[in-house]
Amino acid sequence: MTYQATIADLRKTITTNGSPWNAIDAESAARMQFQNRFRSGLDIARYTAKIMRADMAAYDADPANYTQSLGCWHGFIAQQKMISIKKHFGSTKQRYLYLSGWMIAALRSEFGPLPDQSMHEKTSVPALIEELYTFLRQADARELGMMFRDLDAARERGDEVEAKRIEHAIDSYETHVVPIIADIDAGFGNAEATYLLAKKMIEAGACAIQLENQVSDEKQCGHQDGKVTVPHEDFLQKIRAVRYAFLELGVDDGIIVARTDSLGAGLTKQIAFSKEAGDLGDQYNSFLDCDEVEAGQIGNGDVLITRNGKLLRPKRLPSNLYQFRSGTGEDRCVLDCITSLQNGADLLWIETEKPHIGQIGGMVNRIREVIPNAKLVYNNSPSFNWTLNFRQQVFDAWTEADKDVSGYDRAKLMSADYDGSELAAEADERIRTFQKDAAAQAGIFHHLITLPTYHTAALSTDNLAKEYFGDQGMLGYVKNVQRQEIRQGIACVKHQNMSGSDIGDDHKEYFAGEAALKAAGKDNTMNQFEAA
């Protein structure tokens, strides 16, 4: 409904209700409705799921239509990210949010900083989703509030053309609310626990839930050692649990991202149940590292399986975990991905040890032999040393092409001594185009960085502390922070406005009229930034 139509509808409601409603101004109420488009997290989940489904279809038609996100650990970070995107690119299209379990563990747990091992409170996950969307909705309210003020100013000037232009801009306003891919880790328990937490996440606004195939109580960060996977049927139960949660809450378009850690996980806690040769349990067990034994060689406590008529003893560690054969990681990843897509997942996540398009694309091609439209969410992880990895990739490519690499030491390519070199320039260009190239060649629909704002906060704080507490004193803040905010048009330079003071003033005027005591008067120091 358009802005003017909403005003007319509200006027009708006020007139119908008679004298008790006479003090309500229809246009003020319409403005509040426009500033609060989403009434609940479920409204957000349904809206953003449709966006993500449309983006997936667009990618299937043309891989140039890949999507991106950055991980955000606080609502303010998400808000500023989306404000920046709208400022620089004019649209939020194909740009999402990512919620990282790692950052919740490290930054949002009541226990204090924790490793990424699912030890944080599970309720902190939906709480952060709700916080992210609260800040994005406030960004809408703030921006629309400024548009309403511009509309009032145009009317006061008698500029009907400008007033109509602003009304049209209000009607076609693009929200800061975008899809979020939210990390549920390994589900924080069994399938029922996964279902209950998924419901809370969806109710908070999540349209896409990322679930991994590690053992819940043994969960490790995907870039650390000691990862333990579960048999396929255990994982598929949790995928089904998340789908039931989406359907129960009426988010029929909800997206499930199935993550496999099998490439780096060499251990399993269970031997899969198998009814017959070749079934899914038997395929999982076929990767176990086993020794063939005779009946007389069976020892106390041995666990045995049979394969092709042979009696086998899976290698069991003192931790009571079983190990997979070395070199089976890619085969296990491919099987994990195929079975996940065949049982309700929409997108895949393969956690790799390096950003290598050939490695990722090789696995995706095998998956697409069975599932032609298979596509990935990929972690452009800060755990990778991107500079060293890509310089070594270029070094290896040059070596294979018989190009002279005598001036380079492969093991020391991270050195700043190489920063101006031809090899470094080619590596940087490969990094720059990595997302576009991987989208085209390796089936990656969505590129994300899990922890970027964790690192940017640390870096900027270090720089400020070094300057402010050093010889630069206050100039360390003014020159490197405030002056840059003003000159780059960073919205939060007017931090009172960003925190909602102008929205509050508008509401005071709606509620109290001329008696409103407003904060944004002539003595508000925020007015010093009007020239910005």
Protein backbone atom coordinates (compact mmCIF):
# COMPACT_ATOMS: atom_id res chain seq x y z
CA MET A 1 0.00 0.00 0.00
CA THR A 2 1.33 3.44 -0.90
CA TYR A 3 2.08 6.16 1.62
CA GLN A 4 -0.96 8.25 0.74
CA ALA A 5 -3.21 5.17 0.61
CA THR A 6 -2.03 4.18 4.09
CA ILE A 7 -2.83 7.66 5.40
CA ALA A 8 -6.29 7.50 3.83
CA ASP A 9 -6.92 4.06 5.31
CA LEU A 10 -5.91 5.22 8.78
CA ARG A 11 -8.07 8.34 8.50
CA LYS A 12 -11.02 6.08 7.75
CA THR A 13 -10.21 3.96 10.81
CA ILE A 14 -9.94 7.05 13.02
CA THR A 15 -13.22 8.45 11.69
CA THR A 16 -14.97 5.11 12.18
CA ASN A 17 -13.84 4.89 15.80
CA GLY A 18 -15.12 8.38 16.53
CA SER A 19 -14.23 10.87 19.22
CA PRO A 20 -11.92 8.67 21.36
CA TRP A 21 -9.53 8.58 18.36
CA ASN A 22 -9.77 12.23 17.33
CA ALA A 23 -6.41 13.07 18.90
CA ILE A 24 -4.62 10.58 16.62
CA ASP A 25 -3.03 12.03 13.49
CA ALA A 26 -3.38 9.64 10.55
CA GLU A 27 -0.17 10.69 8.82
CA SER A 28 1.88 10.29 12.00
CA ALA A 29 0.46 6.77 12.45
CA ALA A 30 1.19 5.98 8.79
CA ARG A 31 4.78 7.07 9.28
CA MET A 32 5.16 4.76 12.26
CA GLN A 33 3.73 1.89 10.19
CA PHE A 34 6.17 2.55 7.37
CA GLN A 35 9.05 2.72 9.85
CA ASN A 36 8.08 -0.67 11.28
CA ARG A 37 7.39 -2.79 8.24
CA PHE A 38 8.18 -6.09 9.96
CA ARG A 39 5.97 -6.97 12.92
CA SER A 40 7.83 -10.13 13.97
CA GLY A 41 10.84 -12.31 13.30
CA LEU A 42 8.62 -14.68 11.33
CA ASP A 43 7.68 -11.80 9.01
CA ILE A 44 11.40 -11.29 8.44
CA ALA A 45 12.09 -14.99 7.90
CA ARG A 46 9.32 -15.33 5.32
CA TYR A 47 10.36 -12.16 3.50
CA THR A 48 14.07 -12.95 3.38
CA ALA A 49 13.55 -16.61 2.44
CA LYS A 50 11.81 -15.49 -0.74
CA ILE A 51 14.74 -13.17 -1.51
CA MET A 52 17.23 -15.98 -1.04
CA ARG A 53 15.22 -18.44 -3.17
CA ALA A 54 15.05 -15.88 -5.97
CA ASP A 55 18.80 -15.31 -5.70
CA MET A 56 19.44 -19.06 -5.88
CA ALA A 57 17.37 -19.28 -9.07
CA ALA A 58 19.25 -16.29 -10.52
CA TYR A 59 22.57 -17.99 -9.77
CA ASP A 60 21.40 -21.20 -11.46
CA ALA A 61 20.68 -19.13 -14.56
CA ASP A 62 24.02 -17.28 -14.42
CA PRO A 63 26.85 -17.91 -11.91
CA ALA A 64 27.78 -14.23 -12.13
CA ASN A 65 24.80 -13.72 -9.80
CA TYR A 66 26.59 -15.00 -6.72
CA THR A 67 25.85 -13.52 -3.28
CA GLN A 68 28.04 -12.34 -0.40
CA SER A 69 27.99 -11.65 3.31
CA LEU A 70 30.17 -10.66 6.24
CA GLY A 71 29.92 -12.17 9.71
CA CYS A 72 28.54 -9.78 12.34
CA TRP A 73 28.81 -10.27 16.10
CA HIS A 74 26.68 -7.29 17.17
CA GLY A 75 23.59 -5.55 15.86
CA PHE A 76 25.45 -2.27 15.44
CA ILE A 77 28.05 -3.95 13.19
CA ALA A 78 25.29 -5.41 11.01
CA GLN A 79 23.50 -2.07 10.88
CA GLN A 80 26.57 -0.12 9.85
CA LYS A 81 27.43 -2.74 7.24
CA MET A 82 24.03 -2.47 5.57
CA ILE A 83 23.98 1.35 5.80
CA SER A 84 27.38 1.36 4.12
CA ILE A 85 26.22 -1.02 1.38
CA LYS A 86 23.21 1.16 0.60
CA LYS A 87 25.41 4.28 0.59
CA HIS A 88 28.08 2.87 -1.72
CA PHE A 89 26.05 0.59 -4.00
CA GLY A 90 22.51 1.94 -3.80
CA SER A 91 20.99 -1.47 -3.07
CA THR A 92 21.32 -4.40 -0.70
CA LYS A 93 20.62 -6.87 -3.51
CA GLN A 94 22.63 -10.14 -3.24
CA ARG A 95 24.22 -9.03 0.05
CA TYR A 96 23.37 -10.89 3.24
CA LEU A 97 24.34 -11.23 6.89
CA TYR A 98 26.22 -14.15 8.38
CA LEU A 99 25.99 -15.21 12.02
CA SER A 100 29.06 -17.12 13.13
CA GLY A 101 28.96 -19.62 15.98
CA TRP A 102 32.65 -18.90 16.47
CA MET A 103 31.99 -15.23 17.17
CA ILE A 104 29.11 -16.01 19.54
CA ALA A 105 31.40 -18.33 21.48
CA ALA A 106 34.26 -15.84 21.54
CA LEU A 107 32.28 -12.64 22.10
CA ARG A 108 28.69 -13.24 23.23
CA SER A 109 28.79 -15.96 25.87
CA GLU A 110 28.05 -15.27 29.54
CA PHE A 111 31.02 -17.51 30.34
CA GLY A 112 33.34 -15.04 28.64
CA PRO A 113 35.52 -15.85 25.62
CA LEU A 114 35.20 -19.51 24.63
CA PRO A 115 36.65 -21.69 21.87
CA ASP A 116 34.34 -22.71 19.04
CA GLN A 117 33.20 -25.95 20.66
CA SER A 118 29.47 -25.34 21.26
CA MET A 119 30.03 -24.59 24.93
CA HIS A 120 28.19 -21.26 24.79
CA GLU A 121 24.53 -20.92 25.71
CA LYS A 122 22.37 -22.10 22.82
CA THR A 123 19.88 -19.29 23.52
CA SER A 124 22.59 -16.75 22.63
CA VAL A 125 22.18 -17.74 18.98
CA PRO A 126 18.52 -16.68 18.52
CA ALA A 127 19.20 -13.72 20.82
CA LEU A 128 21.86 -12.41 18.43
CA ILE A 129 19.61 -12.98 15.40
CA GLU A 130 16.91 -10.89 17.09
CA GLU A 131 19.48 -8.21 17.97
CA LEU A 132 20.79 -8.03 14.39
CA TYR A 133 17.32 -7.48 13.00
CA THR A 134 16.41 -4.99 15.73
CA PHE A 135 19.31 -2.82 14.60
CA LEU A 136 18.44 -3.23 10.91
CA ARG A 137 14.82 -2.27 11.56
CA GLN A 138 16.05 0.78 13.46
CA ALA A 139 18.17 1.70 10.44
CA ASP A 140 14.97 1.67 8.39
CA ALA A 141 13.16 3.83 10.94
CA ARG A 142 16.03 6.33 11.04
CA GLU A 143 16.35 6.67 7.26
CA LEU A 144 12.61 6.91 6.70
CA GLY A 145 12.38 9.45 9.53
CA MET A 146 14.85 11.68 7.70
CA MET A 147 12.80 11.27 4.51
CA PHE A 148 9.64 12.33 6.38
CA ARG A 149 11.45 15.43 7.63
CA ASP A 150 12.53 16.22 4.08
CA LEU A 151 8.91 15.77 2.98
CA ASP A 152 7.71 18.22 5.62
CA ALA A 153 10.36 20.74 4.56
CA ALA A 154 9.32 20.44 0.90
CA ARG A 155 5.69 21.02 1.80
CA GLU A 156 6.59 24.04 3.91
CA ARG A 157 8.43 25.51 0.91
CA GLY A 158 5.43 24.79 -1.29
CA ASP A 159 7.58 22.53 -3.51
CA GLU A 160 4.97 20.03 -4.69
CA VAL A 161 7.30 18.38 -7.22
CA GLU A 162 9.89 17.59 -4.56
CA ALA A 163 7.17 16.44 -2.16
CA LYS A 164 5.87 13.98 -4.78
CA ARG A 165 9.39 12.76 -5.47
CA ILE A 166 9.93 12.04 -1.78
CA GLU A 167 6.56 10.29 -1.48
CA HIS A 168 7.54 8.05 -4.40
CA ALA A 169 10.90 7.33 -2.71
CA ILE A 170 9.04 6.37 0.46
CA ASP A 171 6.74 4.04 -1.48
CA SER A 172 9.71 2.34 -3.20
CA TYR A 173 11.94 2.32 -0.12
CA GLU A 174 14.41 -0.59 0.11
CA THR A 175 14.76 -2.01 3.59
CA HIS A 176 18.05 -2.72 5.35
CA VAL A 177 16.61 -6.12 6.33
CA VAL A 178 18.34 -8.87 4.34
CA PRO A 179 18.68 -12.66 4.61
CA ILE A 180 20.83 -14.10 7.36
CA ILE A 181 22.62 -17.44 7.24
CA ALA A 182 22.73 -18.50 10.88
CA ASP A 183 25.09 -21.09 12.35
CA ILE A 184 23.40 -23.71 14.54
CA ASP A 185 26.71 -25.61 14.92
CA ALA A 186 25.94 -29.34 15.21
CA GLY A 187 22.50 -28.69 16.68
CA PHE A 188 23.46 -28.53 20.38
CA GLY A 189 22.20 -32.05 21.06
CA ASN A 190 20.03 -34.66 19.41
CA ALA A 191 17.50 -34.09 16.63
CA GLU A 192 14.84 -32.88 19.08
CA ALA A 193 17.26 -30.32 20.54
CA THR A 194 18.12 -29.20 17.01
CA TYR A 195 14.44 -28.79 16.16
CA LEU A 196 13.73 -26.71 19.29
CA LEU A 197 16.68 -24.40 18.73
CA ALA A 198 15.90 -24.07 15.02
CA LYS A 199 12.39 -22.89 15.92
CA LYS A 200 13.80 -20.17 18.17
CA MET A 201 16.19 -19.07 15.43
CA ILE A 202 13.43 -18.92 12.83
CA GLU A 203 11.13 -17.04 15.18
CA ALA A 204 13.95 -14.51 15.63
CA GLY A 205 14.13 -14.02 11.84
CA ALA A 206 16.53 -16.61 10.40
CA CYS A 207 15.56 -17.79 6.92
CA ALA A 208 18.66 -19.96 6.43
CA ILE A 209 20.17 -22.32 9.00
CA GLN A 210 23.61 -23.86 8.64
CA LEU A 211 24.05 -27.29 10.24
CA GLU A 212 27.25 -29.34 10.39
CA ASN A 213 27.89 -33.09 10.54
CA GLN A 214 30.15 -33.14 13.58
CA VAL A 215 29.28 -34.89 16.84
CA SER A 216 27.48 -32.29 18.91
CA ASP A 217 29.36 -32.85 22.17
CA GLU A 218 32.72 -33.15 20.37
CA LYS A 219 32.25 -30.12 18.10
CA GLN A 220 35.39 -28.25 16.99
CA CYS A 221 35.99 -25.21 14.82
CA GLY A 222 36.19 -26.34 11.20
CA HIS A 223 39.76 -25.09 10.99
CA GLN A 224 41.04 -26.95 14.05
CA ASP A 225 42.10 -30.54 14.56
CA GLY A 226 40.17 -33.22 16.41
CA LYS A 227 36.91 -33.06 14.45
CA VAL A 228 34.58 -36.05 14.76
CA THR A 229 31.77 -36.74 12.28
CA VAL A 230 28.53 -38.67 12.67
CA PRO A 231 27.03 -41.36 10.41
CA HIS A 232 24.82 -39.99 7.66
CA GLU A 233 21.51 -41.07 9.15
CA ASP A 234 22.25 -39.15 12.37
CA PHE A 235 22.91 -36.01 10.36
CA LEU A 236 19.89 -36.50 8.10
CA GLN A 237 17.64 -36.70 11.16
CA LYS A 238 18.77 -33.20 12.11
CA ILE A 239 18.24 -31.89 8.58
CA ARG A 240 14.70 -33.22 8.72
CA ALA A 241 14.24 -31.65 12.18
CA VAL A 242 15.16 -28.21 10.82
CA ARG A 243 12.81 -28.63 7.85
CA TYR A 244 9.96 -29.57 10.19
CA ALA A 245 10.69 -26.43 12.23
CA PHE A 246 10.47 -24.25 9.12
CA LEU A 247 7.22 -25.87 8.02
CA GLU A 248 5.63 -25.73 11.46
CA LEU A 249 6.24 -21.98 11.60
CA GLY A 250 4.97 -21.36 8.07
CA VAL A 251 8.34 -20.51 6.52
CA ASP A 252 7.89 -22.89 3.60
CA ASP A 253 10.82 -21.38 1.68
CA GLY A 254 13.30 -21.78 4.55
CA ILE A 255 16.82 -22.76 3.50
CA ILE A 256 19.01 -25.47 5.04
CA VAL A 257 22.77 -25.28 4.53
CA ALA A 258 24.36 -28.68 5.11
CA ARG A 259 28.00 -28.39 6.12
CA THR A 260 30.45 -31.25 5.94
CA ASP A 261 33.70 -31.24 7.92
CA SER A 262 34.78 -34.59 6.52
CA LEU A 263 37.71 -33.18 4.57
CA GLY A 264 39.53 -32.39 7.80
CA ALA A 265 37.80 -34.85 10.12
CA GLY A 266 39.56 -38.18 10.37
CA LEU A 267 37.51 -39.58 13.24
CA THR A 268 34.05 -40.93 13.97
CA LYS A 269 32.39 -41.74 17.25
CA GLN A 270 30.12 -44.43 15.87
CA ILE A 271 30.11 -47.31 13.46
CA ALA A 272 27.06 -46.77 11.29
CA PHE A 273 24.14 -49.18 11.40
CA SER A 274 23.92 -51.23 8.21
CA LYS A 275 21.27 -53.67 7.05
CA GLU A 276 22.82 -54.78 3.80
CA ALA A 277 25.91 -54.33 1.67
CA GLY A 278 26.02 -51.00 -0.14
CA ASP A 279 23.47 -49.17 1.99
CA LEU A 280 24.31 -45.77 3.43
CA GLY A 281 25.61 -47.16 6.70
CA ASP A 282 27.82 -49.62 4.87
CA GLN A 283 29.20 -46.85 2.65
CA TYR A 284 30.11 -44.81 5.74
CA ASN A 285 31.79 -47.81 7.35
CA SER A 286 33.72 -48.56 4.16
CA PHE A 287 35.94 -45.55 4.90
CA LEU A 288 37.00 -46.90 8.31
CA ASP A 289 40.63 -47.83 8.76
CA CYS A 290 40.53 -51.56 9.55
CA ASP A 291 42.79 -54.56 10.02
CA GLU A 292 41.76 -57.95 8.71
CA VAL A 293 41.63 -60.55 11.49
CA GLU A 294 41.07 -64.27 11.88
CA ALA A 295 38.69 -65.72 14.43
CA GLY A 296 41.55 -66.76 16.68
CA GLN A 297 42.97 -63.22 16.72
CA ILE A 298 39.96 -61.59 18.37
CA GLY A 299 40.98 -59.81 21.56
CA ASN A 300 39.09 -58.67 24.64
CA GLY A 301 36.75 -55.76 23.86
CA ASP A 302 37.36 -55.87 20.11
CA VAL A 303 34.67 -54.39 17.89
CA LEU A 304 34.41 -56.17 14.55
CA ILE A 305 32.64 -55.64 11.25
CA THR A 306 32.40 -57.79 8.12
CA ARG A 307 33.04 -56.64 4.57
CA ASN A 308 33.09 -58.78 1.44
CA GLY A 309 33.11 -61.90 3.58
CA LYS A 310 36.12 -60.73 5.60
CA LEU A 311 36.30 -60.10 9.32
CA LEU A 312 37.70 -56.63 10.07
CA ARG A 313 38.74 -54.80 13.22
CA PRO A 314 38.23 -51.00 12.92
CA LYS A 315 41.11 -49.10 14.45
CA ARG A 316 39.92 -47.67 17.74
CA LEU A 317 41.77 -44.99 19.69
CA PRO A 318 42.05 -44.79 23.50
CA SER A 319 39.41 -42.02 23.27
CA ASN A 320 37.00 -44.72 21.99
CA LEU A 321 36.89 -42.99 18.61
CA TYR A 322 37.40 -44.77 15.30
CA GLN A 323 39.62 -43.42 12.57
CA PHE A 324 39.05 -43.22 8.82
CA ARG A 325 41.57 -44.27 6.23
CA SER A 326 43.95 -41.51 5.22
CA GLY A 327 43.13 -39.87 1.90
CA THR A 328 39.38 -40.57 2.01
CA GLY A 329 38.32 -37.03 2.95
CA GLU A 330 37.21 -35.88 -0.48
CA ASP A 331 35.23 -39.08 -1.14
CA ARG A 332 33.51 -38.70 2.21
CA CYS A 333 32.72 -35.04 1.47
CA VAL A 334 31.14 -35.91 -1.85
CA LEU A 335 28.98 -38.64 -0.29
CA ASP A 336 28.00 -36.30 2.57
CA CYS A 337 26.92 -33.62 0.12
CA ILE A 338 24.94 -35.89 -2.17
CA THR A 339 23.04 -37.53 0.67
CA SER A 340 22.30 -34.16 2.32
CA LEU A 341 20.80 -32.75 -0.88
CA GLN A 342 18.83 -35.94 -1.43
CA ASN A 343 17.32 -35.62 2.04
CA GLY A 344 16.18 -32.03 2.34
CA ALA A 345 19.19 -29.70 2.32
CA ASP A 346 19.20 -26.79 -0.13
CA LEU A 347 22.83 -25.64 -0.11
CA LEU A 348 26.18 -27.19 0.76
CA TRP A 349 29.13 -26.00 2.80
CA ILE A 350 32.43 -27.83 2.37
CA GLU A 351 34.95 -26.71 4.98
CA THR A 352 38.35 -26.79 3.29
CA GLU A 353 41.88 -26.25 4.57
CA LYS A 354 42.77 -23.72 1.87
CA PRO A 355 41.02 -21.50 -0.70
CA HIS A 356 41.76 -23.48 -3.85
CA ILE A 357 39.26 -23.30 -6.71
CA GLY A 358 40.54 -26.51 -8.32
CA GLN A 359 40.05 -28.53 -5.15
CA ILE A 360 36.56 -27.15 -4.48
CA GLY A 361 35.47 -27.40 -8.10
CA GLY A 362 36.67 -30.99 -8.36
CA MET A 363 34.36 -32.05 -5.54
CA VAL A 364 31.44 -29.98 -6.84
CA ASN A 365 31.74 -31.56 -10.28
CA ARG A 366 31.45 -35.01 -8.72
CA ILE A 367 28.42 -33.94 -6.70
CA ARG A 368 26.78 -32.43 -9.78
CA GLU A 369 27.01 -35.75 -11.58
CA VAL A 370 24.18 -36.78 -9.23
CA ILE A 371 22.64 -33.40 -8.27
CA PRO A 372 23.06 -31.10 -11.31
CA ASN A 373 22.10 -27.84 -9.55
CA ALA A 374 24.20 -28.43 -6.41
CA LYS A 375 25.72 -25.20 -5.12
CA LEU A 376 27.77 -24.08 -2.18
CA VAL A 377 28.04 -21.58 0.59
CA TYR A 378 31.78 -21.08 1.04
CA ASN A 379 33.76 -19.74 3.96
CA ASN A 380 36.39 -17.27 2.73
CA SER A 381 37.96 -17.89 6.09
CA PRO A 382 40.31 -15.60 8.04
CA SER A 383 41.90 -18.88 9.18
CA PHE A 384 43.49 -19.10 5.74
CA ASN A 385 46.68 -17.16 5.14
CA TRP A 386 45.37 -15.77 1.86
CA THR A 387 48.58 -13.98 0.94
CA LEU A 388 50.81 -17.03 1.42
CA ASN A 389 48.31 -19.48 -0.11
CA PHE A 390 47.88 -17.53 -3.33
CA ARG A 391 51.52 -16.64 -3.70
CA GLN A 392 52.33 -20.34 -3.41
CA GLN A 393 49.61 -21.18 -5.94
CA VAL A 394 51.17 -18.75 -8.40
CA PHE A 395 54.66 -20.09 -7.62
CA ASP A 396 53.46 -23.64 -8.35
CA ALA A 397 51.71 -22.57 -11.56
CA TRP A 398 54.82 -20.78 -12.75
CA THR A 399 56.95 -23.82 -11.92
CA GLU A 400 54.63 -26.08 -13.90
CA ALA A 401 54.80 -23.64 -16.82
CA ASP A 402 58.64 -23.61 -16.68
CA LYS A 403 58.66 -19.94 -15.73
CA ASP A 404 61.70 -18.75 -13.80
CA VAL A 405 61.04 -18.78 -10.04
CA SER A 406 64.67 -18.66 -8.94
CA GLY A 407 64.14 -15.25 -7.34
CA TYR A 408 61.54 -16.60 -4.91
CA ASP A 409 61.67 -18.81 -1.80
CA ARG A 410 58.35 -20.69 -1.73
CA ALA A 411 58.43 -21.16 2.03
CA LYS A 412 58.99 -17.43 2.66
CA LEU A 413 56.58 -15.88 0.17
CA MET A 414 54.69 -14.12 2.97
CA SER A 415 57.66 -11.80 3.38
CA ALA A 416 57.10 -8.11 2.67
CA ASP A 417 60.21 -8.29 0.51
CA TYR A 418 58.03 -9.81 -2.22
CA ASP A 419 55.18 -7.26 -1.97
CA GLY A 420 56.22 -5.35 -5.08
CA SER A 421 57.03 -8.41 -7.15
CA GLU A 422 55.32 -9.72 -10.27
CA LEU A 423 54.41 -12.89 -8.43
CA ALA A 424 52.74 -10.95 -5.61
CA ALA A 425 50.79 -8.84 -8.10
CA GLU A 426 49.44 -11.93 -9.85
CA ALA A 427 48.54 -13.52 -6.50
CA ASP A 428 46.66 -10.38 -5.42
CA GLU A 429 44.73 -10.36 -8.68
CA ARG A 430 43.73 -13.99 -8.08
CA ILE A 431 42.55 -13.04 -4.59
CA ARG A 432 40.59 -10.10 -5.99
CA THR A 433 38.74 -12.29 -8.50
CA PHE A 434 38.52 -15.38 -6.29
CA GLN A 435 34.81 -15.01 -5.54
CA LYS A 436 33.82 -14.36 -9.15
CA ASP A 437 36.05 -17.17 -10.43
CA ALA A 438 34.93 -19.66 -7.78
CA ALA A 439 31.28 -18.83 -8.46
CA ALA A 440 31.81 -19.64 -12.14
CA GLN A 441 34.14 -22.62 -11.76
CA ALA A 442 33.35 -24.23 -8.41
CA GLY A 443 29.61 -23.84 -7.91
CA ILE A 444 29.83 -21.31 -5.09
CA PHE A 445 26.53 -19.43 -4.79
CA HIS A 446 27.35 -17.57 -1.59
CA HIS A 447 30.69 -16.24 -0.42
CA LEU A 448 31.09 -15.18 3.19
CA ILE A 449 33.82 -14.21 5.60
CA THR A 450 33.01 -15.67 8.99
CA LEU A 451 34.97 -13.36 11.29
CA PRO A 452 35.88 -10.15 9.45
CA THR A 453 34.39 -7.69 11.92
CA TYR A 454 36.15 -9.44 14.81
CA HIS A 455 39.45 -8.68 13.09
CA THR A 456 38.54 -5.15 11.98
CA ALA A 457 37.48 -4.25 15.53
CA ALA A 458 40.79 -5.55 16.87
CA LEU A 459 42.84 -3.74 14.23
CA SER A 460 41.08 -0.37 14.53
CA THR A 461 41.17 -0.51 18.34
CA ASP A 462 44.89 -1.29 18.28
CA ASN A 463 45.56 1.67 15.99
CA LEU A 464 43.48 4.04 18.12
CA ALA A 465 45.08 2.88 21.38
CA LYS A 466 48.59 3.28 19.94
CA GLU A 467 47.90 6.85 18.83
CA TYR A 468 45.66 8.10 21.66
CA PHE A 469 47.74 6.79 24.54
CA GLY A 470 50.96 7.77 22.75
CA ASP A 471 52.36 11.08 21.61
CA GLN A 472 49.38 11.94 19.37
CA GLY A 473 46.91 12.17 22.25
CA MET A 474 43.54 13.53 21.17
CA LEU A 475 44.81 14.03 17.62
CA GLY A 476 45.02 10.24 17.37
CA TYR A 477 41.23 10.13 17.61
CA VAL A 478 40.38 13.32 15.73
CA LYS A 479 42.66 12.76 12.72
CA ASN A 480 42.18 9.02 12.27
CA VAL A 481 38.57 8.59 13.39
CA GLN A 482 36.32 11.66 13.56
CA ARG A 483 37.87 13.57 10.66
CA GLN A 484 37.61 10.45 8.48
CA GLU A 485 33.99 9.87 9.54
CA ILE A 486 33.09 13.41 8.52
CA ARG A 487 34.92 13.33 5.19
CA GLN A 488 33.72 9.84 4.24
CA GLY A 489 30.14 10.53 5.23
CA ILE A 490 29.95 7.83 7.90
CA ALA A 491 26.44 8.06 9.32
CA CYS A 492 27.38 7.35 12.92
CA VAL A 493 29.49 10.53 13.16
CA LYS A 494 26.10 11.86 14.32
CA HIS A 495 25.92 9.24 17.01
CA GLN A 496 22.87 10.76 18.73
CA ASN A 497 20.91 10.50 15.51
CA MET A 498 22.16 6.97 14.97
CA SER A 499 21.05 5.92 18.44
CA GLY A 500 17.51 7.08 17.70
CA SER A 501 17.26 10.56 19.25
CA ASP A 502 15.51 12.03 16.19
CA ILE A 503 13.06 9.12 16.07
CA GLY A 504 12.32 9.76 19.72
CA ASP A 505 11.78 13.47 19.00
CA ASP A 506 9.30 12.62 16.26
CA HIS A 507 7.39 10.33 18.60
CA LYS A 508 7.34 13.01 21.32
CA GLU A 509 5.77 15.40 18.81
CA TYR A 510 3.19 12.78 17.77
CA PHE A 511 2.29 12.10 21.39
CA ALA A 512 2.58 15.59 22.95
CA GLY A 513 2.34 18.09 20.10
CA GLU A 514 3.70 21.53 20.96
CA ALA A 515 4.40 20.39 24.52
CA ALA A 516 7.09 17.96 23.33
CA LEU A 517 10.48 18.44 24.93
CA LYS A 518 12.78 17.53 22.06
CA ALA A 519 16.50 16.77 22.13
CA ALA A 520 17.43 18.04 18.67
CA GLY A 521 17.21 21.74 19.42
CA LYS A 522 19.66 24.47 18.47
CA ASP A 523 21.96 23.66 21.40
CA ASN A 524 22.44 20.03 20.38
CA THR A 525 26.17 19.68 19.64
CA MET A 526 25.31 17.20 16.88
CA ASN A 527 24.44 20.26 14.79
CA GLN A 528 28.19 20.86 14.42
CA PHE A 529 28.19 18.07 11.86
CA GLU A 530 25.50 19.51 9.59
CA ALA A 531 28.19 20.68 7.17
CA ALA A 532 29.41 17.10 6.88
